[in-house]
Amino acid sequence: MMASHDTRYPLSLGEPTERRPVCEDVSIVIATLGRELLETCLAHIVHGTRWPQAVIVVDQGRVPAVAALIERLRELGLNARYIPSNERGKSAGLNRGLEIVASRFVAITDDDCFVKADWLERLAECLRREPGTIWTGRVEAAGEEHAFSTALSRVPRHHTRPRLRGQPFAGGNAGMGLDVARRVGPFDEHPSLVCGAEDVDYGHRALRLGVPIAYDPDIVLYHYHWRDEAARVARYADYARGQGAFYGKHLRRGDPLVLLQALRDLARSPVRWARGVVSGDRELARNGRESTLNLLPGIIAGFRRRDSAAR
């Protein structure tokens, strides 16, 4: 397994490193399909100013190279757990990892995210200061692709209720107390919630329960963008279907705020498509087109789901 070829993020697990002080009260959970970027993701954790109590990697690709990376973490001195899984979906991966966390707090990141050196240290400080709050932070773009998931604000924010605009929970850069995770419940594993909609759903449920979500711009990581044009278009479609499924799920439960959110997005998507066409912005046009074509089918799918266990 190779590290990322982006020379700005060259760390690998083959490089020598000294042991770091351990945050005994924080574990890290990562769900992966075994992408090559995982080595660089783990290397940034290893080269951070603090190590976690445990690194738990749930491998839904069951890739032998991932197991080898976990063994390498152990050789370096980290407490690392490798959890092979036949399930699919980020929610299922995170839930299987959360089920075995033994520390007071848990941090969550993605296999295509590279944490800043002081990421865990700053996140742990926030968690200890406000243990009843879900913490998230700045997500900057890495790589050459058009950015999908970034949060660039330098202004701290504290949310106590769901918002009409924007979703404050960034699932690739998050931390919470294990008691908070148990209160909110597991991530929704329904297959309709894809490509970030599981995070939107989790944050919405947390705020509906009165669990605050705080944004600290000094908790920083870099989301590596690696998709080509065809993959980006497919991703736009997946995002729209997943977001629509989130709307449908909560519309069925009579959530008035979600109704407003859904109506807003249904109106804005064709406008975005038209603006892209008129201005010659092909990326904006692609985004608007896929959202226009896929948002409503997603809403219908989410509204029709019948699983009684869904939170």
C-alpha atoms as a PDB file:
ATOM      1  CA  MET A   1       0.000   0.000   0.000  1.00  0.00           C
ATOM      2  CA  MET A   2       1.412   3.335  -1.084  1.00  0.00           C
ATOM      3  CA  ALA A   3       1.022   6.763   0.415  1.00  0.00           C
ATOM      4  CA  SER A   4      -0.449   9.707  -1.421  1.00  0.00           C
ATOM      5  CA  HIS A   5       1.680  11.065  -4.254  1.00  0.00           C
ATOM      6  CA  ASP A   6       0.839  14.671  -3.375  1.00  0.00           C
ATOM      7  CA  THR A   7       4.211  16.083  -2.293  1.00  0.00           C
ATOM      8  CA  ARG A   8       2.548  18.467   0.141  1.00  0.00           C
ATOM      9  CA  TYR A   9       1.400  15.487   2.206  1.00  0.00           C
ATOM     10  CA  PRO A  10       4.310  13.019   1.819  1.00  0.00           C
ATOM     11  CA  LEU A  11       4.190  11.242   5.173  1.00  0.00           C
ATOM     12  CA  SER A  12       4.272   7.455   5.216  1.00  0.00           C
ATOM     13  CA  LEU A  13       4.445   4.789   7.890  1.00  0.00           C
ATOM     14  CA  GLY A  14       7.904   3.841   6.676  1.00  0.00           C
ATOM     15  CA  GLU A  15       9.393   6.999   8.112  1.00  0.00           C
ATOM     16  CA  PRO A  16      10.995   6.849  11.563  1.00  0.00           C
ATOM     17  CA  THR A  17       9.083   8.510  14.374  1.00  0.00           C
ATOM     18  CA  GLU A  18       9.439   8.962  18.098  1.00  0.00           C
ATOM     19  CA  ARG A  19       6.723   8.003  20.550  1.00  0.00           C
ATOM     20  CA  ARG A  20       4.318  10.777  21.448  1.00  0.00           C
ATOM     21  CA  PRO A  21       2.445  11.517  24.681  1.00  0.00           C
ATOM     22  CA  VAL A  22      -0.818   9.574  24.677  1.00  0.00           C
ATOM     23  CA  CYS A  23      -4.299  11.020  25.130  1.00  0.00           C
ATOM     24  CA  GLU A  24      -5.525   8.137  27.239  1.00  0.00           C
ATOM     25  CA  ASP A  25      -9.122   9.365  27.116  1.00  0.00           C
ATOM     26  CA  VAL A  26      -9.486   9.604  23.300  1.00  0.00           C
ATOM     27  CA  SER A  27      -9.683   6.870  20.658  1.00  0.00           C
ATOM     28  CA  ILE A  28      -9.852   7.394  16.891  1.00  0.00           C
ATOM     29  CA  VAL A  29     -12.269   5.478  14.629  1.00  0.00           C
ATOM     30  CA  ILE A  30     -11.777   5.247  10.855  1.00  0.00           C
ATOM     31  CA  ALA A  31     -14.000   3.352   8.418  1.00  0.00           C
ATOM     32  CA  THR A  32     -12.305   2.400   5.144  1.00  0.00           C
ATOM     33  CA  LEU A  33     -12.676   0.376   1.974  1.00  0.00           C
ATOM     34  CA  GLY A  34      -8.904   0.032   1.851  1.00  0.00           C
ATOM     35  CA  ARG A  35      -8.003   2.973  -0.379  1.00  0.00           C
ATOM     36  CA  GLU A  36      -4.305   3.734  -0.788  1.00  0.00           C
ATOM     37  CA  LEU A  37      -4.805   7.094   0.897  1.00  0.00           C
ATOM     38  CA  LEU A  38      -5.275   5.301   4.218  1.00  0.00           C
ATOM     39  CA  GLU A  39      -1.514   5.015   4.748  1.00  0.00           C
ATOM     40  CA  THR A  40      -1.081   8.779   4.509  1.00  0.00           C
ATOM     41  CA  CYS A  41      -4.098   9.276   6.781  1.00  0.00           C
ATOM     42  CA  LEU A  42      -2.568   7.019   9.442  1.00  0.00           C
ATOM     43  CA  ALA A  43       0.899   8.523   8.995  1.00  0.00           C
ATOM     44  CA  HIS A  44      -0.427  11.980   9.864  1.00  0.00           C
ATOM     45  CA  ILE A  45      -1.936  10.577  13.047  1.00  0.00           C
ATOM     46  CA  VAL A  46       1.373   8.911  13.916  1.00  0.00           C
ATOM     47  CA  HIS A  47       3.325  12.136  13.327  1.00  0.00           C
ATOM     48  CA  GLY A  48       0.914  14.216  15.419  1.00  0.00           C
ATOM     49  CA  THR A  49       1.840  15.890  18.692  1.00  0.00           C
ATOM     50  CA  ARG A  50      -0.333  13.392  20.598  1.00  0.00           C
ATOM     51  CA  TRP A  51      -1.266   9.755  20.082  1.00  0.00           C
ATOM     52  CA  PRO A  52      -4.738   8.388  20.848  1.00  0.00           C
ATOM     53  CA  GLN A  53      -5.528   5.697  23.378  1.00  0.00           C
ATOM     54  CA  ALA A  54      -6.409   3.498  20.378  1.00  0.00           C
ATOM     55  CA  VAL A  55      -6.683   3.673  16.596  1.00  0.00           C
ATOM     56  CA  ILE A  56      -9.608   1.531  15.442  1.00  0.00           C
ATOM     57  CA  VAL A  57      -9.776   0.855  11.696  1.00  0.00           C
ATOM     58  CA  VAL A  58     -12.856  -0.910  10.328  1.00  0.00           C
ATOM     59  CA  ASP A  59     -11.940  -2.351   6.922  1.00  0.00           C
ATOM     60  CA  GLN A  60     -14.984  -3.017   4.738  1.00  0.00           C
ATOM     61  CA  GLY A  61     -12.743  -3.904   1.824  1.00  0.00           C
ATOM     62  CA  ARG A  62     -10.984  -6.651   3.803  1.00  0.00           C
ATOM     63  CA  VAL A  63      -7.727  -5.644   2.103  1.00  0.00           C
ATOM     64  CA  PRO A  64      -4.638  -7.515   3.381  1.00  0.00           C
ATOM     65  CA  ALA A  65      -2.551  -4.362   3.030  1.00  0.00           C
ATOM     66  CA  VAL A  66      -4.784  -2.611   5.590  1.00  0.00           C
ATOM     67  CA  ALA A  67      -4.093  -5.321   8.161  1.00  0.00           C
ATOM     68  CA  ALA A  68      -0.385  -4.822   7.433  1.00  0.00           C
ATOM     69  CA  LEU A  69      -0.717  -1.095   8.106  1.00  0.00           C
ATOM     70  CA  ILE A  70      -2.328  -1.794  11.474  1.00  0.00           C
ATOM     71  CA  GLU A  71       0.519  -4.153  12.343  1.00  0.00           C
ATOM     72  CA  ARG A  72       2.940  -1.372  11.404  1.00  0.00           C
ATOM     73  CA  LEU A  73       1.154   0.981  13.826  1.00  0.00           C
ATOM     74  CA  ARG A  74       1.649  -1.570  16.577  1.00  0.00           C
ATOM     75  CA  GLU A  75       5.333  -1.844  15.738  1.00  0.00           C
ATOM     76  CA  LEU A  76       5.602   1.923  16.146  1.00  0.00           C
ATOM     77  CA  GLY A  77       4.058   1.656  19.598  1.00  0.00           C
ATOM     78  CA  LEU A  78       0.423   2.607  19.030  1.00  0.00           C
ATOM     79  CA  ASN A  79      -2.522   0.651  20.338  1.00  0.00           C
ATOM     80  CA  ALA A  80      -4.187  -0.246  17.031  1.00  0.00           C
ATOM     81  CA  ARG A  81      -7.211  -2.436  16.275  1.00  0.00           C
ATOM     82  CA  TYR A  82      -8.016  -3.961  12.881  1.00  0.00           C
ATOM     83  CA  ILE A  83     -11.704  -4.828  12.399  1.00  0.00           C
ATOM     84  CA  PRO A  84     -12.476  -6.625   9.107  1.00  0.00           C
ATOM     85  CA  SER A  85     -16.102  -6.270   8.012  1.00  0.00           C
ATOM     86  CA  ASN A  86     -18.301  -7.635   5.232  1.00  0.00           C
ATOM     87  CA  GLU A  87     -20.730  -4.747   5.618  1.00  0.00           C
ATOM     88  CA  ARG A  88     -20.887  -1.710   3.366  1.00  0.00           C
ATOM     89  CA  GLY A  89     -21.465   1.933   4.142  1.00  0.00           C
ATOM     90  CA  LYS A  90     -19.698   4.506   6.277  1.00  0.00           C
ATOM     91  CA  SER A  91     -22.391   4.341   8.952  1.00  0.00           C
ATOM     92  CA  ALA A  92     -21.954   0.610   9.469  1.00  0.00           C
ATOM     93  CA  GLY A  93     -18.183   1.010   9.623  1.00  0.00           C
ATOM     94  CA  LEU A  94     -18.351   3.779  12.206  1.00  0.00           C
ATOM     95  CA  ASN A  95     -20.912   1.912  14.290  1.00  0.00           C
ATOM     96  CA  ARG A  96     -18.759  -1.220  14.435  1.00  0.00           C
ATOM     97  CA  GLY A  97     -15.820   0.916  15.536  1.00  0.00           C
ATOM     98  CA  LEU A  98     -17.810   2.856  18.122  1.00  0.00           C
ATOM     99  CA  GLU A  99     -19.036  -0.400  19.631  1.00  0.00           C
ATOM    100  CA  ILE A 100     -15.530  -1.291  20.817  1.00  0.00           C
ATOM    101  CA  VAL A 101     -14.272   2.131  21.935  1.00  0.00           C
ATOM    102  CA  ALA A 102     -13.086   1.875  25.546  1.00  0.00           C
ATOM    103  CA  SER A 103     -12.027   5.484  26.154  1.00  0.00           C
ATOM    104  CA  ARG A 104     -14.120   8.369  27.466  1.00  0.00           C
ATOM    105  CA  PHE A 105     -14.031  10.211  24.138  1.00  0.00           C
ATOM    106  CA  VAL A 106     -13.908   9.221  20.485  1.00  0.00           C
ATOM    107  CA  ALA A 107     -12.602  11.108  17.460  1.00  0.00           C
ATOM    108  CA  ILE A 108     -13.763  10.289  13.936  1.00  0.00           C
ATOM    109  CA  THR A 109     -11.992  10.925  10.648  1.00  0.00           C
ATOM    110  CA  ASP A 110     -11.998   9.510   7.108  1.00  0.00           C
ATOM    111  CA  ASP A 111      -9.353   7.570   5.227  1.00  0.00           C
ATOM    112  CA  ASP A 112      -8.907  10.439   2.752  1.00  0.00           C
ATOM    113  CA  CYS A 113      -8.338  13.043   5.475  1.00  0.00           C
ATOM    114  CA  PHE A 114      -4.913  14.117   6.719  1.00  0.00           C
ATOM    115  CA  VAL A 115      -4.963  15.621  10.189  1.00  0.00           C
ATOM    116  CA  LYS A 116      -2.827  18.583  11.179  1.00  0.00           C
ATOM    117  CA  ALA A 117      -0.100  17.729  13.697  1.00  0.00           C
ATOM    118  CA  ASP A 118      -1.960  19.255  16.665  1.00  0.00           C
ATOM    119  CA  TRP A 119      -5.401  17.991  15.596  1.00  0.00           C
ATOM    120  CA  LEU A 120      -5.863  15.390  18.320  1.00  0.00           C
ATOM    121  CA  GLU A 121      -4.318  17.591  20.998  1.00  0.00           C
ATOM    122  CA  ARG A 122      -6.688  20.483  20.263  1.00  0.00           C
ATOM    123  CA  LEU A 123      -9.712  18.223  19.882  1.00  0.00           C
ATOM    124  CA  ALA A 124      -8.969  16.531  23.211  1.00  0.00           C
ATOM    125  CA  GLU A 125      -8.706  19.915  24.944  1.00  0.00           C
ATOM    126  CA  CYS A 126     -12.145  20.910  23.637  1.00  0.00           C
ATOM    127  CA  LEU A 127     -13.714  17.596  24.623  1.00  0.00           C
ATOM    128  CA  ARG A 128     -12.397  17.834  28.165  1.00  0.00           C
ATOM    129  CA  ARG A 129     -13.588  21.422  28.476  1.00  0.00           C
ATOM    130  CA  GLU A 130     -17.126  20.682  27.231  1.00  0.00           C
ATOM    131  CA  PRO A 131     -17.647  16.912  27.373  1.00  0.00           C
ATOM    132  CA  GLY A 132     -21.354  17.144  26.587  1.00  0.00           C
ATOM    133  CA  THR A 133     -20.708  18.850  23.224  1.00  0.00           C
ATOM    134  CA  ILE A 134     -19.965  17.327  19.828  1.00  0.00           C
ATOM    135  CA  TRP A 135     -16.888  19.074  18.444  1.00  0.00           C
ATOM    136  CA  THR A 136     -15.947  19.630  14.828  1.00  0.00           C
ATOM    137  CA  GLY A 137     -13.449  21.829  13.039  1.00  0.00           C
ATOM    138  CA  ARG A 138     -11.954  23.253   9.884  1.00  0.00           C
ATOM    139  CA  VAL A 139     -11.730  21.059   6.787  1.00  0.00           C
ATOM    140  CA  GLU A 140      -9.417  22.375   4.084  1.00  0.00           C
ATOM    141  CA  ALA A 141      -8.958  20.982   0.591  1.00  0.00           C
ATOM    142  CA  ALA A 142      -5.954  18.908  -0.408  1.00  0.00           C
ATOM    143  CA  GLY A 143      -5.210  17.549  -3.858  1.00  0.00           C
ATOM    144  CA  GLU A 144      -6.141  19.011  -7.219  1.00  0.00           C
ATOM    145  CA  GLU A 145      -9.803  18.054  -7.516  1.00  0.00           C
ATOM    146  CA  HIS A 146     -12.745  20.401  -7.067  1.00  0.00           C
ATOM    147  CA  ALA A 147     -13.545  20.438  -3.359  1.00  0.00           C
ATOM    148  CA  PHE A 148     -16.522  18.420  -2.152  1.00  0.00           C
ATOM    149  CA  SER A 149     -16.336  18.758   1.602  1.00  0.00           C
ATOM    150  CA  THR A 150     -14.673  21.809   3.083  1.00  0.00           C
ATOM    151  CA  ALA A 151     -15.358  24.002   6.103  1.00  0.00           C
ATOM    152  CA  LEU A 152     -13.130  27.034   5.875  1.00  0.00           C
ATOM    153  CA  SER A 153     -14.572  29.507   8.356  1.00  0.00           C
ATOM    154  CA  ARG A 154     -12.130  30.957  10.898  1.00  0.00           C
ATOM    155  CA  VAL A 155     -14.999  31.944  13.201  1.00  0.00           C
ATOM    156  CA  PRO A 156     -15.865  29.655  16.161  1.00  0.00           C
ATOM    157  CA  ARG A 157     -19.515  28.682  16.314  1.00  0.00           C
ATOM    158  CA  HIS A 158     -21.753  26.974  18.831  1.00  0.00           C
ATOM    159  CA  HIS A 159     -25.012  25.409  17.662  1.00  0.00           C
ATOM    160  CA  THR A 160     -27.813  24.303  19.968  1.00  0.00           C
ATOM    161  CA  ARG A 161     -30.618  23.688  17.485  1.00  0.00           C
ATOM    162  CA  PRO A 162     -30.999  22.554  13.857  1.00  0.00           C
ATOM    163  CA  ARG A 163     -30.371  25.246  11.263  1.00  0.00           C
ATOM    164  CA  LEU A 164     -32.219  26.076   8.066  1.00  0.00           C
ATOM    165  CA  ARG A 165     -28.962  26.713   6.234  1.00  0.00           C
ATOM    166  CA  GLY A 166     -25.891  24.536   6.475  1.00  0.00           C
ATOM    167  CA  GLN A 167     -25.064  21.441   8.485  1.00  0.00           C
ATOM    168  CA  PRO A 168     -22.650  21.971  11.398  1.00  0.00           C
ATOM    169  CA  PHE A 169     -21.580  18.332  11.842  1.00  0.00           C
ATOM    170  CA  ALA A 170     -18.544  17.381   9.720  1.00  0.00           C
ATOM    171  CA  GLY A 171     -18.270  13.616  10.036  1.00  0.00           C
ATOM    172  CA  GLY A 172     -14.670  13.465   8.817  1.00  0.00           C
ATOM    173  CA  ASN A 173     -13.533  15.852  11.541  1.00  0.00           C
ATOM    174  CA  ALA A 174     -15.480  15.203  14.715  1.00  0.00           C
ATOM    175  CA  GLY A 175     -15.163  14.212  18.344  1.00  0.00           C
ATOM    176  CA  MET A 176     -17.602  13.453  21.141  1.00  0.00           C
ATOM    177  CA  GLY A 177     -17.947  11.768  24.490  1.00  0.00           C
ATOM    178  CA  LEU A 178     -18.916   8.124  24.403  1.00  0.00           C
ATOM    179  CA  ASP A 179     -21.927   8.953  26.570  1.00  0.00           C
ATOM    180  CA  VAL A 180     -22.971  11.552  23.977  1.00  0.00           C
ATOM    181  CA  ALA A 181     -22.606   8.976  21.191  1.00  0.00           C
ATOM    182  CA  ARG A 182     -24.826   6.601  23.132  1.00  0.00           C
ATOM    183  CA  ARG A 183     -27.415   9.313  23.693  1.00  0.00           C
ATOM    184  CA  VAL A 184     -27.619  10.236  20.011  1.00  0.00           C
ATOM    185  CA  GLY A 185     -27.526   6.574  19.009  1.00  0.00           C
ATOM    186  CA  PRO A 186     -25.771   4.837  16.127  1.00  0.00           C
ATOM    187  CA  PHE A 187     -25.288   6.323  12.690  1.00  0.00           C
ATOM    188  CA  ASP A 188     -28.231   5.408  10.455  1.00  0.00           C
ATOM    189  CA  GLU A 189     -27.108   2.445   8.328  1.00  0.00           C
ATOM    190  CA  HIS A 190     -29.930   2.606   5.784  1.00  0.00           C
ATOM    191  CA  PRO A 191     -28.377   2.423   2.280  1.00  0.00           C
ATOM    192  CA  SER A 192     -30.322   5.443   1.049  1.00  0.00           C
ATOM    193  CA  LEU A 193     -28.232   7.738   3.261  1.00  0.00           C
ATOM    194  CA  VAL A 194     -24.997   7.920   1.274  1.00  0.00           C
ATOM    195  CA  CYS A 195     -22.153  10.337   0.634  1.00  0.00           C
ATOM    196  CA  GLY A 196     -22.420  12.526   3.688  1.00  0.00           C
ATOM    197  CA  ALA A 197     -26.140  12.247   4.349  1.00  0.00           C
ATOM    198  CA  GLU A 198     -25.401   9.948   7.287  1.00  0.00           C
ATOM    199  CA  ASP A 199     -23.476  12.844   8.838  1.00  0.00           C
ATOM    200  CA  VAL A 200     -26.265  15.314   8.111  1.00  0.00           C
ATOM    201  CA  ASP A 201     -28.736  12.937   9.738  1.00  0.00           C
ATOM    202  CA  TYR A 202     -26.522  12.401  12.788  1.00  0.00           C
ATOM    203  CA  GLY A 203     -26.009  16.108  13.364  1.00  0.00           C
ATOM    204  CA  HIS A 204     -29.700  16.841  12.928  1.00  0.00           C
ATOM    205  CA  ARG A 205     -30.681  14.145  15.411  1.00  0.00           C
ATOM    206  CA  ALA A 206     -28.110  15.374  17.923  1.00  0.00           C
ATOM    207  CA  LEU A 207     -29.365  18.936  17.807  1.00  0.00           C
ATOM    208  CA  ARG A 208     -32.984  17.778  18.027  1.00  0.00           C
ATOM    209  CA  LEU A 209     -32.001  15.986  21.263  1.00  0.00           C
ATOM    210  CA  GLY A 210     -30.421  19.162  22.636  1.00  0.00           C
ATOM    211  CA  VAL A 211     -26.810  18.008  22.150  1.00  0.00           C
ATOM    212  CA  PRO A 212     -24.731  21.068  21.176  1.00  0.00           C
ATOM    213  CA  ILE A 213     -22.376  20.988  18.185  1.00  0.00           C
ATOM    214  CA  ALA A 214     -19.395  23.356  18.379  1.00  0.00           C
ATOM    215  CA  TYR A 215     -17.062  24.386  15.567  1.00  0.00           C
ATOM    216  CA  ASP A 216     -13.479  25.277  16.461  1.00  0.00           C
ATOM    217  CA  PRO A 217     -11.442  26.519  13.453  1.00  0.00           C
ATOM    218  CA  ASP A 218      -8.192  25.420  15.146  1.00  0.00           C
ATOM    219  CA  ILE A 219      -9.175  21.735  14.889  1.00  0.00           C
ATOM    220  CA  VAL A 220      -7.822  21.307  11.364  1.00  0.00           C
ATOM    221  CA  LEU A 221      -7.492  18.535   8.824  1.00  0.00           C
ATOM    222  CA  TYR A 222      -7.117  18.323   5.043  1.00  0.00           C
ATOM    223  CA  HIS A 223      -9.601  16.416   2.888  1.00  0.00           C
ATOM    224  CA  TYR A 224      -7.805  14.926  -0.114  1.00  0.00           C
ATOM    225  CA  HIS A 225      -9.747  15.311  -3.348  1.00  0.00           C
ATOM    226  CA  TRP A 226      -8.849  12.643  -5.864  1.00  0.00           C
ATOM    227  CA  ARG A 227     -11.804  12.068  -8.213  1.00  0.00           C
ATOM    228  CA  ASP A 228     -11.748  12.665 -11.958  1.00  0.00           C
ATOM    229  CA  GLU A 229     -14.576  14.353 -13.850  1.00  0.00           C
ATOM    230  CA  ALA A 230     -16.737  11.244 -14.276  1.00  0.00           C
ATOM    231  CA  ALA A 231     -16.336  10.298 -10.617  1.00  0.00           C
ATOM    232  CA  ARG A 232     -17.238  13.824  -9.521  1.00  0.00           C
ATOM    233  CA  VAL A 233     -20.455  13.756 -11.550  1.00  0.00           C
ATOM    234  CA  ALA A 234     -21.387  10.415  -9.993  1.00  0.00           C
ATOM    235  CA  ARG A 235     -20.594  11.868  -6.591  1.00  0.00           C
ATOM    236  CA  TYR A 236     -22.862  14.867  -7.182  1.00  0.00           C
ATOM    237  CA  ALA A 237     -25.687  12.450  -7.997  1.00  0.00           C
ATOM    238  CA  ASP A 238     -24.995  10.371  -4.870  1.00  0.00           C
ATOM    239  CA  TYR A 239     -24.896  13.488  -2.695  1.00  0.00           C
ATOM    240  CA  ALA A 240     -28.273  14.608  -4.028  1.00  0.00           C
ATOM    241  CA  ARG A 241     -29.906  11.203  -3.525  1.00  0.00           C
ATOM    242  CA  GLY A 242     -28.496  10.903  -0.024  1.00  0.00           C
ATOM    243  CA  GLN A 243     -29.560  14.417   0.958  1.00  0.00           C
ATOM    244  CA  GLY A 244     -32.977  13.733  -0.479  1.00  0.00           C
ATOM    245  CA  ALA A 245     -33.256  10.511   1.542  1.00  0.00           C
ATOM    246  CA  PHE A 246     -32.449  12.484   4.686  1.00  0.00           C
ATOM    247  CA  TYR A 247     -35.241  14.912   3.841  1.00  0.00           C
ATOM    248  CA  GLY A 248     -37.682  12.086   3.113  1.00  0.00           C
ATOM    249  CA  LYS A 249     -36.886  10.282   6.366  1.00  0.00           C
ATOM    250  CA  HIS A 250     -37.594  13.332   8.494  1.00  0.00           C
ATOM    251  CA  LEU A 251     -40.487  14.609   6.385  1.00  0.00           C
ATOM    252  CA  ARG A 252     -42.262  11.363   7.159  1.00  0.00           C
ATOM    253  CA  ARG A 253     -41.797  12.228  10.823  1.00  0.00           C
ATOM    254  CA  GLY A 254     -43.354  15.640  10.332  1.00  0.00           C
ATOM    255  CA  ASP A 255     -40.266  17.798  10.824  1.00  0.00           C
ATOM    256  CA  PRO A 256     -41.247  21.321   9.644  1.00  0.00           C
ATOM    257  CA  LEU A 257     -37.672  22.588   9.389  1.00  0.00           C
ATOM    258  CA  VAL A 258     -36.733  19.730   7.075  1.00  0.00           C
ATOM    259  CA  LEU A 259     -39.721  20.590   4.892  1.00  0.00           C
ATOM    260  CA  LEU A 260     -38.342  24.107   4.456  1.00  0.00           C
ATOM    261  CA  GLN A 261     -34.867  22.748   3.744  1.00  0.00           C
ATOM    262  CA  ALA A 262     -36.200  20.355   1.110  1.00  0.00           C
ATOM    263  CA  LEU A 263     -38.293  23.020  -0.624  1.00  0.00           C
ATOM    264  CA  ARG A 264     -35.314  25.370  -0.674  1.00  0.00           C
ATOM    265  CA  ASP A 265     -33.027  22.779  -2.270  1.00  0.00           C
ATOM    266  CA  LEU A 266     -35.643  21.670  -4.792  1.00  0.00           C
ATOM    267  CA  ALA A 267     -35.964  25.301  -5.908  1.00  0.00           C
ATOM    268  CA  ARG A 268     -32.257  26.088  -5.894  1.00  0.00           C
ATOM    269  CA  SER A 269     -30.993  23.056  -7.816  1.00  0.00           C
ATOM    270  CA  PRO A 270     -32.391  24.001 -11.265  1.00  0.00           C
ATOM    271  CA  VAL A 271     -31.315  27.596 -10.684  1.00  0.00           C
ATOM    272  CA  ARG A 272     -27.772  26.372 -10.032  1.00  0.00           C
ATOM    273  CA  TRP A 273     -27.911  24.262 -13.184  1.00  0.00           C
ATOM    274  CA  ALA A 274     -29.072  27.240 -15.274  1.00  0.00           C
ATOM    275  CA  ARG A 275     -26.452  29.566 -13.783  1.00  0.00           C
ATOM    276  CA  GLY A 276     -23.733  27.097 -14.661  1.00  0.00           C
ATOM    277  CA  VAL A 277     -24.939  26.772 -18.241  1.00  0.00           C
ATOM    278  CA  VAL A 278     -25.291  30.536 -18.760  1.00  0.00           C
ATOM    279  CA  SER A 279     -21.949  31.398 -17.159  1.00  0.00           C
ATOM    280  CA  GLY A 280     -20.047  28.562 -18.772  1.00  0.00           C
ATOM    281  CA  ASP A 281     -19.166  27.101 -15.370  1.00  0.00           C
ATOM    282  CA  ARG A 282     -19.297  23.412 -16.283  1.00  0.00           C
ATOM    283  CA  GLU A 283     -18.716  22.217 -12.730  1.00  0.00           C
ATOM    284  CA  LEU A 284     -21.598  24.288 -11.378  1.00  0.00           C
ATOM    285  CA  ALA A 285     -23.809  23.073 -14.214  1.00  0.00           C
ATOM    286  CA  ARG A 286     -22.941  19.437 -13.501  1.00  0.00           C
ATOM    287  CA  ASN A 287     -23.647  19.902  -9.815  1.00  0.00           C
ATOM    288  CA  GLY A 288     -26.979  21.607 -10.459  1.00  0.00           C
ATOM    289  CA  ARG A 289     -28.023  19.048 -13.058  1.00  0.00           C
ATOM    290  CA  GLU A 290     -27.339  16.030 -10.849  1.00  0.00           C
ATOM    291  CA  SER A 291     -29.041  17.674  -7.895  1.00  0.00           C
ATOM    292  CA  THR A 292     -32.091  18.533  -9.999  1.00  0.00           C
ATOM    293  CA  LEU A 293     -32.371  14.976 -11.336  1.00  0.00           C
ATOM    294  CA  ASN A 294     -31.646  13.077  -8.130  1.00  0.00           C
ATOM    295  CA  LEU A 295     -32.885  15.088  -5.168  1.00  0.00           C
ATOM    296  CA  LEU A 296     -36.589  14.280  -5.589  1.00  0.00           C
ATOM    297  CA  PRO A 297     -36.034  10.519  -6.159  1.00  0.00           C
ATOM    298  CA  GLY A 298     -33.953  10.558  -2.978  1.00  0.00           C
ATOM    299  CA  ILE A 299     -36.745  12.266  -1.047  1.00  0.00           C
ATOM    300  CA  ILE A 300     -39.220   9.652  -2.243  1.00  0.00           C
ATOM    301  CA  ALA A 301     -36.879   6.802  -1.285  1.00  0.00           C
ATOM    302  CA  GLY A 302     -36.343   8.249   2.175  1.00  0.00           C
ATOM    303  CA  PHE A 303     -40.045   8.857   2.708  1.00  0.00           C
ATOM    304  CA  ARG A 304     -40.946   5.302   1.711  1.00  0.00           C
ATOM    305  CA  ARG A 305     -38.455   3.480   3.922  1.00  0.00           C
ATOM    306  CA  ARG A 306     -40.178   1.150   6.333  1.00  0.00           C
ATOM    307  CA  ASP A 307     -37.436   0.109   8.772  1.00  0.00           C
ATOM    308  CA  SER A 308     -38.873   0.647  12.229  1.00  0.00           C
ATOM    309  CA  ALA A 309     -35.423   0.707  13.851  1.00  0.00           C
ATOM    310  CA  ALA A 310     -34.379   3.917  12.100  1.00  0.00           C
ATOM    311  CA  ARG A 311     -33.813   6.737  14.561  1.00  0.00           C
END
